[in-house]
């Protein structure tokens, strides 16, 4: 595939993250559509969305009704259990040169996208430090955070990283591209597993995990189980990664809530299968005990 300047973006998933990114692309002058089907598309067209109080002007593209040229970049911002439907909705707007960036949690969404559209169109990505939420049609965010993008053998070429990075820059979104993207993916997996789950079961915001006490102890115990299975998988997580997470945590809005806590409070399904269940399965593979993640699975499933 060839890599050209990104002039058009499709965002699938109009939750807090998807709407926040769409608003940035619109503000940066990038042609942007929200992809949704059926009743969801009708609702978005009828009610619209606001992002930090400003109406989101991105058009809604319904795969059953609308025809568009293939977009240059597709941002996948749904929950993992909605991924298959989201990719089906995207299909009419995708061509052989469309690049994919997934901001989903976990370690697996890129493989799912690659299996459907081809690995050469997929970049690795993790989203860090964002604090956003949605109530009704109003999205608010305290921080858009930072996107970490990269590639590995068999995925999109390095020129695709540059093209996506340039588009993110035009949209006013912070980004970087580290050399060891697999390490970054596992670091984010560690972060999600420890803070998302601990905050969800205790129903506490970020600030409660920044000082010694029972909430932080639970977070740390979950973190250490991830480090154990990561090392068994050949990914060297260690003290630098622990310290880095503590620095990031201190920089997050204290009153902010993780996405999993927001799901619990709203009565939505959680992504515990991506975190606790994956750690438990890896522990079983390597003969490691993972009692804290097993408990999270029992509580949050």
C-alpha atoms as a PDB file:
ATOM      1  CA  UNK A   1       0.000   0.000   0.000  1.00  0.00           C
ATOM      2  CA  UNK A   2       1.074   3.601  -0.520  1.00  0.00           C
ATOM      3  CA  UNK A   3       1.072   6.177   2.239  1.00  0.00           C
ATOM      4  CA  UNK A   4      -0.154   9.669   1.470  1.00  0.00           C
ATOM      5  CA  UNK A   5      -1.148  12.722   3.464  1.00  0.00           C
ATOM      6  CA  UNK A   6      -4.211  12.012   5.559  1.00  0.00           C
ATOM      7  CA  UNK A   7      -7.042  14.258   4.482  1.00  0.00           C
ATOM      8  CA  UNK A   8     -10.081  12.279   5.647  1.00  0.00           C
ATOM      9  CA  UNK A   9     -10.851  10.431   8.878  1.00  0.00           C
ATOM     10  CA  UNK A  10     -13.674   8.117   9.905  1.00  0.00           C
ATOM     11  CA  UNK A  11     -14.279   7.633  13.620  1.00  0.00           C
ATOM     12  CA  UNK A  12     -16.355   4.636  14.661  1.00  0.00           C
ATOM     13  CA  UNK A  13     -17.558   4.894  18.237  1.00  0.00           C
ATOM     14  CA  UNK A  14     -19.200   8.131  19.345  1.00  0.00           C
ATOM     15  CA  UNK A  15     -18.518   7.713  23.033  1.00  0.00           C
ATOM     16  CA  UNK A  16     -16.325  10.056  25.015  1.00  0.00           C
ATOM     17  CA  UNK A  17     -13.048   9.133  23.326  1.00  0.00           C
ATOM     18  CA  UNK A  18     -14.368   8.896  19.785  1.00  0.00           C
ATOM     19  CA  UNK A  19     -16.218  12.202  19.985  1.00  0.00           C
ATOM     20  CA  UNK A  20     -13.228  13.903  21.588  1.00  0.00           C
ATOM     21  CA  UNK A  21     -10.898  12.762  18.810  1.00  0.00           C
ATOM     22  CA  UNK A  22     -13.454  13.646  16.117  1.00  0.00           C
ATOM     23  CA  UNK A  23     -13.736  17.167  17.530  1.00  0.00           C
ATOM     24  CA  UNK A  24      -9.971  17.602  17.367  1.00  0.00           C
ATOM     25  CA  UNK A  25      -9.787  16.441  13.757  1.00  0.00           C
ATOM     26  CA  UNK A  26     -12.621  18.778  12.778  1.00  0.00           C
ATOM     27  CA  UNK A  27     -10.861  21.657  14.519  1.00  0.00           C
ATOM     28  CA  UNK A  28      -7.676  20.756  12.653  1.00  0.00           C
ATOM     29  CA  UNK A  29      -9.398  21.042   9.289  1.00  0.00           C
ATOM     30  CA  UNK A  30      -9.422  17.293   8.541  1.00  0.00           C
ATOM     31  CA  UNK A  31     -12.545  15.979   6.801  1.00  0.00           C
ATOM     32  CA  UNK A  32     -14.169  13.888   9.527  1.00  0.00           C
ATOM     33  CA  UNK A  33     -17.170  11.562   9.708  1.00  0.00           C
ATOM     34  CA  UNK A  34     -18.707   9.598  12.559  1.00  0.00           C
ATOM     35  CA  UNK A  35     -19.624   6.094  11.399  1.00  0.00           C
ATOM     36  CA  UNK A  36     -22.815   4.631  12.864  1.00  0.00           C
ATOM     37  CA  UNK A  37     -25.664   2.489  11.595  1.00  0.00           C
ATOM     38  CA  UNK A  38     -29.414   2.219  11.984  1.00  0.00           C
ATOM     39  CA  UNK A  39     -31.040   3.751  15.035  1.00  0.00           C
ATOM     40  CA  UNK A  40     -27.706   4.914  16.423  1.00  0.00           C
ATOM     41  CA  UNK A  41     -27.043   6.932  13.284  1.00  0.00           C
ATOM     42  CA  UNK A  42     -30.558   8.381  13.414  1.00  0.00           C
ATOM     43  CA  UNK A  43     -30.075   9.421  17.036  1.00  0.00           C
ATOM     44  CA  UNK A  44     -26.724  11.079  16.333  1.00  0.00           C
ATOM     45  CA  UNK A  45     -28.212  13.021  13.426  1.00  0.00           C
ATOM     46  CA  UNK A  46     -31.280  14.011  15.411  1.00  0.00           C
ATOM     47  CA  UNK A  47     -29.647  14.960  18.708  1.00  0.00           C
ATOM     48  CA  UNK A  48     -26.072  15.694  17.733  1.00  0.00           C
ATOM     49  CA  UNK A  49     -23.178  15.773  20.170  1.00  0.00           C
ATOM     50  CA  UNK A  50     -21.424  18.533  22.034  1.00  0.00           C
ATOM     51  CA  UNK A  51     -17.789  18.330  23.071  1.00  0.00           C
ATOM     52  CA  UNK A  52     -16.883  20.610  25.972  1.00  0.00           C
ATOM     53  CA  UNK A  53     -19.978  22.630  25.171  1.00  0.00           C
ATOM     54  CA  UNK A  54     -19.340  23.060  21.432  1.00  0.00           C
ATOM     55  CA  UNK A  55     -21.506  21.298  18.855  1.00  0.00           C
ATOM     56  CA  UNK A  56     -19.589  18.572  17.018  1.00  0.00           C
ATOM     57  CA  UNK A  57     -19.888  19.358  13.303  1.00  0.00           C
ATOM     58  CA  UNK A  58     -18.690  16.006  11.947  1.00  0.00           C
ATOM     59  CA  UNK A  59     -21.135  14.369   9.546  1.00  0.00           C
ATOM     60  CA  UNK A  60     -22.694  10.987  10.373  1.00  0.00           C
ATOM     61  CA  UNK A  61     -22.046   8.222   7.818  1.00  0.00           C
ATOM     62  CA  UNK A  62     -24.417   5.228   7.832  1.00  0.00           C
ATOM     63  CA  UNK A  63     -23.071   2.240   5.845  1.00  0.00           C
ATOM     64  CA  UNK A  64     -26.574   1.266   4.731  1.00  0.00           C
ATOM     65  CA  UNK A  65     -27.440   4.696   3.326  1.00  0.00           C
ATOM     66  CA  UNK A  66     -24.358   6.774   2.590  1.00  0.00           C
ATOM     67  CA  UNK A  67     -21.659   6.516  -0.058  1.00  0.00           C
ATOM     68  CA  UNK A  68     -18.255   8.074   0.509  1.00  0.00           C
ATOM     69  CA  UNK A  69     -14.830   7.692  -1.071  1.00  0.00           C
ATOM     70  CA  UNK A  70     -12.533   5.508   1.040  1.00  0.00           C
ATOM     71  CA  UNK A  71     -11.143   7.445   3.991  1.00  0.00           C
ATOM     72  CA  UNK A  72      -7.429   7.811   4.613  1.00  0.00           C
ATOM     73  CA  UNK A  73      -7.615   6.948   8.325  1.00  0.00           C
ATOM     74  CA  UNK A  74     -10.082   4.999  10.443  1.00  0.00           C
ATOM     75  CA  UNK A  75     -10.085   5.544  14.210  1.00  0.00           C
ATOM     76  CA  UNK A  76     -11.680   2.636  16.075  1.00  0.00           C
ATOM     77  CA  UNK A  77     -12.991   3.830  19.452  1.00  0.00           C
ATOM     78  CA  UNK A  78     -15.611   1.303  20.566  1.00  0.00           C
ATOM     79  CA  UNK A  79     -15.659  -1.210  23.406  1.00  0.00           C
ATOM     80  CA  UNK A  80     -14.110  -4.551  22.555  1.00  0.00           C
ATOM     81  CA  UNK A  81     -17.457  -6.387  22.585  1.00  0.00           C
ATOM     82  CA  UNK A  82     -18.649  -4.000  19.839  1.00  0.00           C
ATOM     83  CA  UNK A  83     -15.554  -4.379  17.659  1.00  0.00           C
ATOM     84  CA  UNK A  84     -16.953  -6.844  15.120  1.00  0.00           C
ATOM     85  CA  UNK A  85     -20.041  -4.712  14.457  1.00  0.00           C
ATOM     86  CA  UNK A  86     -17.907  -1.566  14.264  1.00  0.00           C
ATOM     87  CA  UNK A  87     -15.645  -3.085  11.615  1.00  0.00           C
ATOM     88  CA  UNK A  88     -18.670  -4.177   9.609  1.00  0.00           C
ATOM     89  CA  UNK A  89     -19.978  -0.600   9.722  1.00  0.00           C
ATOM     90  CA  UNK A  90     -16.602   0.743   8.578  1.00  0.00           C
ATOM     91  CA  UNK A  91     -16.206  -1.632   5.644  1.00  0.00           C
ATOM     92  CA  UNK A  92     -17.992   0.469   2.962  1.00  0.00           C
ATOM     93  CA  UNK A  93     -15.758   3.446   3.778  1.00  0.00           C
ATOM     94  CA  UNK A  94     -12.452   1.548   3.684  1.00  0.00           C
ATOM     95  CA  UNK A  95     -10.094   1.123   0.749  1.00  0.00           C
ATOM     96  CA  UNK A  96      -6.726  -0.570   0.200  1.00  0.00           C
ATOM     97  CA  UNK A  97      -4.865   2.536   1.405  1.00  0.00           C
ATOM     98  CA  UNK A  98      -6.957   3.192   4.518  1.00  0.00           C
ATOM     99  CA  UNK A  99      -4.905   3.094   7.719  1.00  0.00           C
ATOM    100  CA  UNK A 100      -6.360   1.860  10.988  1.00  0.00           C
ATOM    101  CA  UNK A 101      -5.654   3.090  14.501  1.00  0.00           C
ATOM    102  CA  UNK A 102      -7.419   1.389  17.392  1.00  0.00           C
ATOM    103  CA  UNK A 103      -7.663   3.106  20.770  1.00  0.00           C
ATOM    104  CA  UNK A 104      -9.277   0.041  22.350  1.00  0.00           C
ATOM    105  CA  UNK A 105      -7.911  -1.350  25.562  1.00  0.00           C
ATOM    106  CA  UNK A 106      -6.209  -4.729  25.699  1.00  0.00           C
ATOM    107  CA  UNK A 107      -3.720  -6.462  23.442  1.00  0.00           C
ATOM    108  CA  UNK A 108      -5.918  -7.973  20.746  1.00  0.00           C
ATOM    109  CA  UNK A 109      -7.893  -5.416  18.712  1.00  0.00           C
ATOM    110  CA  UNK A 110      -5.149  -4.868  16.130  1.00  0.00           C
ATOM    111  CA  UNK A 111      -5.106  -8.589  15.358  1.00  0.00           C
ATOM    112  CA  UNK A 112      -8.871  -8.554  14.804  1.00  0.00           C
ATOM    113  CA  UNK A 113      -8.637  -5.545  12.481  1.00  0.00           C
ATOM    114  CA  UNK A 114      -5.692  -7.049  10.601  1.00  0.00           C
ATOM    115  CA  UNK A 115      -7.576 -10.295  10.057  1.00  0.00           C
ATOM    116  CA  UNK A 116     -10.402  -8.404   8.366  1.00  0.00           C
ATOM    117  CA  UNK A 117      -8.620  -5.690   6.390  1.00  0.00           C
ATOM    118  CA  UNK A 118      -4.985  -6.764   6.175  1.00  0.00           C
ATOM    119  CA  UNK A 119      -2.088  -6.324   8.578  1.00  0.00           C
ATOM    120  CA  UNK A 120      -0.361  -3.864   6.250  1.00  0.00           C
ATOM    121  CA  UNK A 121      -3.054  -1.272   6.965  1.00  0.00           C
ATOM    122  CA  UNK A 122      -2.850  -1.452  10.768  1.00  0.00           C
ATOM    123  CA  UNK A 123      -0.778   0.549  13.240  1.00  0.00           C
ATOM    124  CA  UNK A 124      -0.305  -0.181  16.913  1.00  0.00           C
ATOM    125  CA  UNK A 125      -1.668   2.471  19.249  1.00  0.00           C
ATOM    126  CA  UNK A 126      -2.282   3.156  22.902  1.00  0.00           C
ATOM    127  CA  UNK A 127      -4.108   6.133  24.379  1.00  0.00           C
ATOM    128  CA  UNK A 128      -2.646   7.607  27.557  1.00  0.00           C
ATOM    129  CA  UNK A 129      -3.698  10.210  30.073  1.00  0.00           C
ATOM    130  CA  UNK A 130      -7.102  11.132  28.683  1.00  0.00           C
ATOM    131  CA  UNK A 131      -9.894  12.076  31.083  1.00  0.00           C
ATOM    132  CA  UNK A 132     -13.239  12.182  29.314  1.00  0.00           C
ATOM    133  CA  UNK A 133     -16.852  11.196  29.856  1.00  0.00           C
ATOM    134  CA  UNK A 134     -20.207  11.298  28.137  1.00  0.00           C
ATOM    135  CA  UNK A 135     -23.658  11.948  29.582  1.00  0.00           C
ATOM    136  CA  UNK A 136     -26.492  11.917  27.079  1.00  0.00           C
ATOM    137  CA  UNK A 137     -25.276  13.830  24.049  1.00  0.00           C
ATOM    138  CA  UNK A 138     -22.728  15.880  26.008  1.00  0.00           C
ATOM    139  CA  UNK A 139     -19.073  14.852  25.984  1.00  0.00           C
ATOM    140  CA  UNK A 140     -16.675  16.578  28.332  1.00  0.00           C
ATOM    141  CA  UNK A 141     -12.963  16.063  28.736  1.00  0.00           C
ATOM    142  CA  UNK A 142     -10.401  17.451  31.129  1.00  0.00           C
ATOM    143  CA  UNK A 143      -7.455  16.212  29.092  1.00  0.00           C
ATOM    144  CA  UNK A 144      -7.205  14.648  25.618  1.00  0.00           C
ATOM    145  CA  UNK A 145      -4.100  12.807  26.741  1.00  0.00           C
ATOM    146  CA  UNK A 146      -1.527  11.497  24.306  1.00  0.00           C
ATOM    147  CA  UNK A 147      -1.507   8.830  21.596  1.00  0.00           C
ATOM    148  CA  UNK A 148       1.458   6.491  21.266  1.00  0.00           C
ATOM    149  CA  UNK A 149       1.685   4.970  17.797  1.00  0.00           C
ATOM    150  CA  UNK A 150       4.030   2.562  16.103  1.00  0.00           C
ATOM    151  CA  UNK A 151       4.354  -0.545  14.019  1.00  0.00           C
ATOM    152  CA  UNK A 152       6.008  -3.941  14.005  1.00  0.00           C
ATOM    153  CA  UNK A 153       6.886  -6.674  11.533  1.00  0.00           C
ATOM    154  CA  UNK A 154       4.062  -7.309   9.088  1.00  0.00           C
ATOM    155  CA  UNK A 155       2.024  -4.242  10.028  1.00  0.00           C
ATOM    156  CA  UNK A 156       1.821  -0.853   8.278  1.00  0.00           C
ATOM    157  CA  UNK A 157       5.130   0.668   7.153  1.00  0.00           C
ATOM    158  CA  UNK A 158       7.008   3.308   9.084  1.00  0.00           C
ATOM    159  CA  UNK A 159       5.837   5.955   6.625  1.00  0.00           C
ATOM    160  CA  UNK A 160       2.300   5.323   7.911  1.00  0.00           C
ATOM    161  CA  UNK A 161       3.422   6.305  11.412  1.00  0.00           C
ATOM    162  CA  UNK A 162       4.701   9.604  10.018  1.00  0.00           C
ATOM    163  CA  UNK A 163       1.465  10.242   8.107  1.00  0.00           C
ATOM    164  CA  UNK A 164      -0.758   9.535  11.092  1.00  0.00           C
ATOM    165  CA  UNK A 165       1.494  11.559  13.356  1.00  0.00           C
ATOM    166  CA  UNK A 166       1.265  14.533  11.022  1.00  0.00           C
ATOM    167  CA  UNK A 167      -2.552  14.286  11.058  1.00  0.00           C
ATOM    168  CA  UNK A 168      -2.590  14.083  14.845  1.00  0.00           C
ATOM    169  CA  UNK A 169      -0.370  17.141  14.976  1.00  0.00           C
ATOM    170  CA  UNK A 170      -2.738  19.105  12.737  1.00  0.00           C
ATOM    171  CA  UNK A 171      -5.567  18.054  15.051  1.00  0.00           C
ATOM    172  CA  UNK A 172      -3.718  19.371  18.103  1.00  0.00           C
ATOM    173  CA  UNK A 173      -3.321  15.916  19.616  1.00  0.00           C
ATOM    174  CA  UNK A 174      -0.093  15.018  21.400  1.00  0.00           C
ATOM    175  CA  UNK A 175       1.625  11.879  20.132  1.00  0.00           C
ATOM    176  CA  UNK A 176       4.898  10.047  20.019  1.00  0.00           C
ATOM    177  CA  UNK A 177       6.353   6.954  18.375  1.00  0.00           C
ATOM    178  CA  UNK A 178       8.684   4.932  20.631  1.00  0.00           C
ATOM    179  CA  UNK A 179      11.139   2.391  19.257  1.00  0.00           C
ATOM    180  CA  UNK A 180       9.791  -0.543  21.302  1.00  0.00           C
ATOM    181  CA  UNK A 181       6.058  -0.404  20.664  1.00  0.00           C
ATOM    182  CA  UNK A 182       5.404  -3.895  22.020  1.00  0.00           C
ATOM    183  CA  UNK A 183       6.807  -2.829  25.382  1.00  0.00           C
ATOM    184  CA  UNK A 184       4.524   0.204  25.298  1.00  0.00           C
ATOM    185  CA  UNK A 185       1.506  -1.988  24.566  1.00  0.00           C
ATOM    186  CA  UNK A 186       2.273  -4.172  27.569  1.00  0.00           C
ATOM    187  CA  UNK A 187       2.906  -1.150  29.784  1.00  0.00           C
ATOM    188  CA  UNK A 188      -0.552   0.184  28.917  1.00  0.00           C
ATOM    189  CA  UNK A 189      -2.017  -3.273  29.518  1.00  0.00           C
ATOM    190  CA  UNK A 190      -0.424  -3.189  32.982  1.00  0.00           C
ATOM    191  CA  UNK A 191      -1.876   0.260  33.626  1.00  0.00           C
ATOM    192  CA  UNK A 192      -5.374  -0.657  32.468  1.00  0.00           C
ATOM    193  CA  UNK A 193      -5.397  -3.880  34.425  1.00  0.00           C
ATOM    194  CA  UNK A 194      -4.389  -2.290  37.707  1.00  0.00           C
ATOM    195  CA  UNK A 195      -6.172   1.076  37.761  1.00  0.00           C
ATOM    196  CA  UNK A 196      -9.308   0.319  35.737  1.00  0.00           C
ATOM    197  CA  UNK A 197     -10.193  -2.737  37.754  1.00  0.00           C
ATOM    198  CA  UNK A 198      -9.233  -1.371  41.172  1.00  0.00           C
ATOM    199  CA  UNK A 199     -11.195   1.828  40.560  1.00  0.00           C
ATOM    200  CA  UNK A 200     -14.194  -0.100  39.234  1.00  0.00           C
ATOM    201  CA  UNK A 201     -14.568  -2.432  42.206  1.00  0.00           C
ATOM    202  CA  UNK A 202     -13.889   0.300  44.770  1.00  0.00           C
ATOM    203  CA  UNK A 203     -15.754   3.032  42.831  1.00  0.00           C
ATOM    204  CA  UNK A 204     -13.032   5.582  43.471  1.00  0.00           C
ATOM    205  CA  UNK A 205     -11.387   8.316  41.330  1.00  0.00           C
ATOM    206  CA  UNK A 206      -7.698   8.545  40.467  1.00  0.00           C
ATOM    207  CA  UNK A 207      -6.649  10.569  43.503  1.00  0.00           C
ATOM    208  CA  UNK A 208      -7.488   7.747  45.907  1.00  0.00           C
ATOM    209  CA  UNK A 209      -4.736   5.587  44.367  1.00  0.00           C
ATOM    210  CA  UNK A 210      -1.927   8.129  44.673  1.00  0.00           C
ATOM    211  CA  UNK A 211      -1.199   7.625  48.378  1.00  0.00           C
ATOM    212  CA  UNK A 212      -0.695   4.679  50.701  1.00  0.00           C
ATOM    213  CA  UNK A 213      -3.829   2.855  51.744  1.00  0.00           C
ATOM    214  CA  UNK A 214      -6.029  -0.064  50.814  1.00  0.00           C
ATOM    215  CA  UNK A 215      -6.997   1.265  47.325  1.00  0.00           C
ATOM    216  CA  UNK A 216      -3.364   1.702  46.298  1.00  0.00           C
ATOM    217  CA  UNK A 217      -2.442  -1.681  47.749  1.00  0.00           C
ATOM    218  CA  UNK A 218      -5.060  -3.344  45.552  1.00  0.00           C
ATOM    219  CA  UNK A 219      -3.848  -1.458  42.487  1.00  0.00           C
ATOM    220  CA  UNK A 220      -0.242  -2.478  43.169  1.00  0.00           C
ATOM    221  CA  UNK A 221      -1.170  -6.143  43.695  1.00  0.00           C
ATOM    222  CA  UNK A 222      -2.956  -6.217  40.334  1.00  0.00           C
ATOM    223  CA  UNK A 223      -0.007  -4.474  38.710  1.00  0.00           C
ATOM    224  CA  UNK A 224       2.521  -6.968  40.037  1.00  0.00           C
ATOM    225  CA  UNK A 225       0.601  -9.907  38.603  1.00  0.00           C
ATOM    226  CA  UNK A 226       0.772  -8.287  35.156  1.00  0.00           C
ATOM    227  CA  UNK A 227       4.508  -7.716  35.536  1.00  0.00           C
ATOM    228  CA  UNK A 228       4.966 -11.394  36.423  1.00  0.00           C
ATOM    229  CA  UNK A 229       3.101 -12.702  33.382  1.00  0.00           C
ATOM    230  CA  UNK A 230       4.693 -10.098  31.080  1.00  0.00           C
ATOM    231  CA  UNK A 231       8.172 -11.216  32.083  1.00  0.00           C
ATOM    232  CA  UNK A 232       7.139 -14.831  31.535  1.00  0.00           C
ATOM    233  CA  UNK A 233       6.004 -13.808  28.027  1.00  0.00           C
ATOM    234  CA  UNK A 234       9.402 -12.252  27.331  1.00  0.00           C
ATOM    235  CA  UNK A 235       8.388  -8.609  27.889  1.00  0.00           C
ATOM    236  CA  UNK A 236      10.670  -6.969  30.462  1.00  0.00           C
ATOM    237  CA  UNK A 237       8.445  -4.820  32.660  1.00  0.00           C
ATOM    238  CA  UNK A 238      10.153  -3.638  35.832  1.00  0.00           C
ATOM    239  CA  UNK A 239      10.958  -0.765  38.163  1.00  0.00           C
ATOM    240  CA  UNK A 240      11.136   1.886  35.438  1.00  0.00           C
ATOM    241  CA  UNK A 241       7.621   0.915  34.356  1.00  0.00           C
ATOM    242  CA  UNK A 242       6.322   1.014  37.931  1.00  0.00           C
ATOM    243  CA  UNK A 243       7.805   4.472  38.469  1.00  0.00           C
ATOM    244  CA  UNK A 244       6.532   5.719  35.132  1.00  0.00           C
ATOM    245  CA  UNK A 245       2.964   4.726  36.007  1.00  0.00           C
ATOM    246  CA  UNK A 246       3.196   6.482  39.358  1.00  0.00           C
ATOM    247  CA  UNK A 247       4.315   9.669  37.600  1.00  0.00           C
ATOM    248  CA  UNK A 248       1.479   9.427  35.095  1.00  0.00           C
ATOM    249  CA  UNK A 249      -1.051   8.733  37.838  1.00  0.00           C
ATOM    250  CA  UNK A 250       0.014  11.819  39.775  1.00  0.00           C
ATOM    251  CA  UNK A 251      -0.510  13.899  36.638  1.00  0.00           C
ATOM    252  CA  UNK A 252      -4.086  12.735  36.012  1.00  0.00           C
ATOM    253  CA  UNK A 253      -7.050  14.825  37.180  1.00  0.00           C
ATOM    254  CA  UNK A 254      -7.659  13.641  40.742  1.00  0.00           C
ATOM    255  CA  UNK A 255     -11.431  13.590  40.361  1.00  0.00           C
ATOM    256  CA  UNK A 256     -11.266  11.753  37.035  1.00  0.00           C
ATOM    257  CA  UNK A 257     -12.830   8.321  36.618  1.00  0.00           C
ATOM    258  CA  UNK A 258     -11.507   5.404  34.596  1.00  0.00           C
ATOM    259  CA  UNK A 259     -13.598   4.126  31.707  1.00  0.00           C
ATOM    260  CA  UNK A 260     -14.321   0.905  33.595  1.00  0.00           C
ATOM    261  CA  UNK A 261     -15.600   2.815  36.616  1.00  0.00           C
ATOM    262  CA  UNK A 262     -17.845   4.822  34.298  1.00  0.00           C
ATOM    263  CA  UNK A 263     -19.155   1.546  32.842  1.00  0.00           C
ATOM    264  CA  UNK A 264     -19.902   0.130  36.294  1.00  0.00           C
ATOM    265  CA  UNK A 265     -21.707   3.276  37.426  1.00  0.00           C
ATOM    266  CA  UNK A 266     -23.760   3.294  34.207  1.00  0.00           C
ATOM    267  CA  UNK A 267     -24.624  -0.397  34.463  1.00  0.00           C
ATOM    268  CA  UNK A 268     -22.793  -1.245  31.232  1.00  0.00           C
ATOM    269  CA  UNK A 269     -20.750  -4.424  30.621  1.00  0.00           C
ATOM    270  CA  UNK A 270     -17.097  -4.069  31.588  1.00  0.00           C
ATOM    271  CA  UNK A 271     -13.965  -5.120  29.728  1.00  0.00           C
ATOM    272  CA  UNK A 272     -12.809  -7.442  32.507  1.00  0.00           C
ATOM    273  CA  UNK A 273     -12.265 -10.209  29.952  1.00  0.00           C
ATOM    274  CA  UNK A 274      -9.522  -8.104  28.345  1.00  0.00           C
ATOM    275  CA  UNK A 275      -7.720  -7.556  31.631  1.00  0.00           C
ATOM    276  CA  UNK A 276      -8.272  -9.977  34.505  1.00  0.00           C
ATOM    277  CA  UNK A 277      -9.245 -12.944  32.374  1.00  0.00           C
ATOM    278  CA  UNK A 278      -6.224 -12.436  30.113  1.00  0.00           C
ATOM    279  CA  UNK A 279      -3.869 -12.235  33.104  1.00  0.00           C
ATOM    280  CA  UNK A 280      -5.392 -15.359  34.646  1.00  0.00           C
ATOM    281  CA  UNK A 281      -5.020 -17.259  31.370  1.00  0.00           C
ATOM    282  CA  UNK A 282      -1.380 -16.177  31.019  1.00  0.00           C
ATOM    283  CA  UNK A 283      -0.754 -17.148  34.626  1.00  0.00           C
ATOM    284  CA  UNK A 284      -2.123 -20.613  33.963  1.00  0.00           C
ATOM    285  CA  UNK A 285       0.082 -20.915  30.876  1.00  0.00           C
ATOM    286  CA  UNK A 286       3.218 -20.126  32.858  1.00  0.00           C
ATOM    287  CA  UNK A 287       2.313 -21.708  36.202  1.00  0.00           C
ATOM    288  CA  UNK A 288       1.952 -18.354  37.987  1.00  0.00           C
ATOM    289  CA  UNK A 289      -0.605 -17.515  40.667  1.00  0.00           C
ATOM    290  CA  UNK A 290      -2.882 -14.564  39.858  1.00  0.00           C
ATOM    291  CA  UNK A 291      -5.368 -14.421  42.761  1.00  0.00           C
ATOM    292  CA  UNK A 292      -6.045 -10.676  42.605  1.00  0.00           C
ATOM    293  CA  UNK A 293      -6.978 -10.715  38.949  1.00  0.00           C
ATOM    294  CA  UNK A 294      -9.022 -13.864  39.479  1.00  0.00           C
ATOM    295  CA  UNK A 295     -10.979 -11.988  42.147  1.00  0.00           C
ATOM    296  CA  UNK A 296     -11.532  -9.066  39.769  1.00  0.00           C
ATOM    297  CA  UNK A 297     -12.919 -11.519  37.225  1.00  0.00           C
ATOM    298  CA  UNK A 298     -15.354 -12.965  39.755  1.00  0.00           C
ATOM    299  CA  UNK A 299     -16.569  -9.519  40.817  1.00  0.00           C
ATOM    300  CA  UNK A 300     -16.725  -7.716  37.480  1.00  0.00           C
ATOM    301  CA  UNK A 301     -17.855 -10.445  35.093  1.00  0.00           C
END
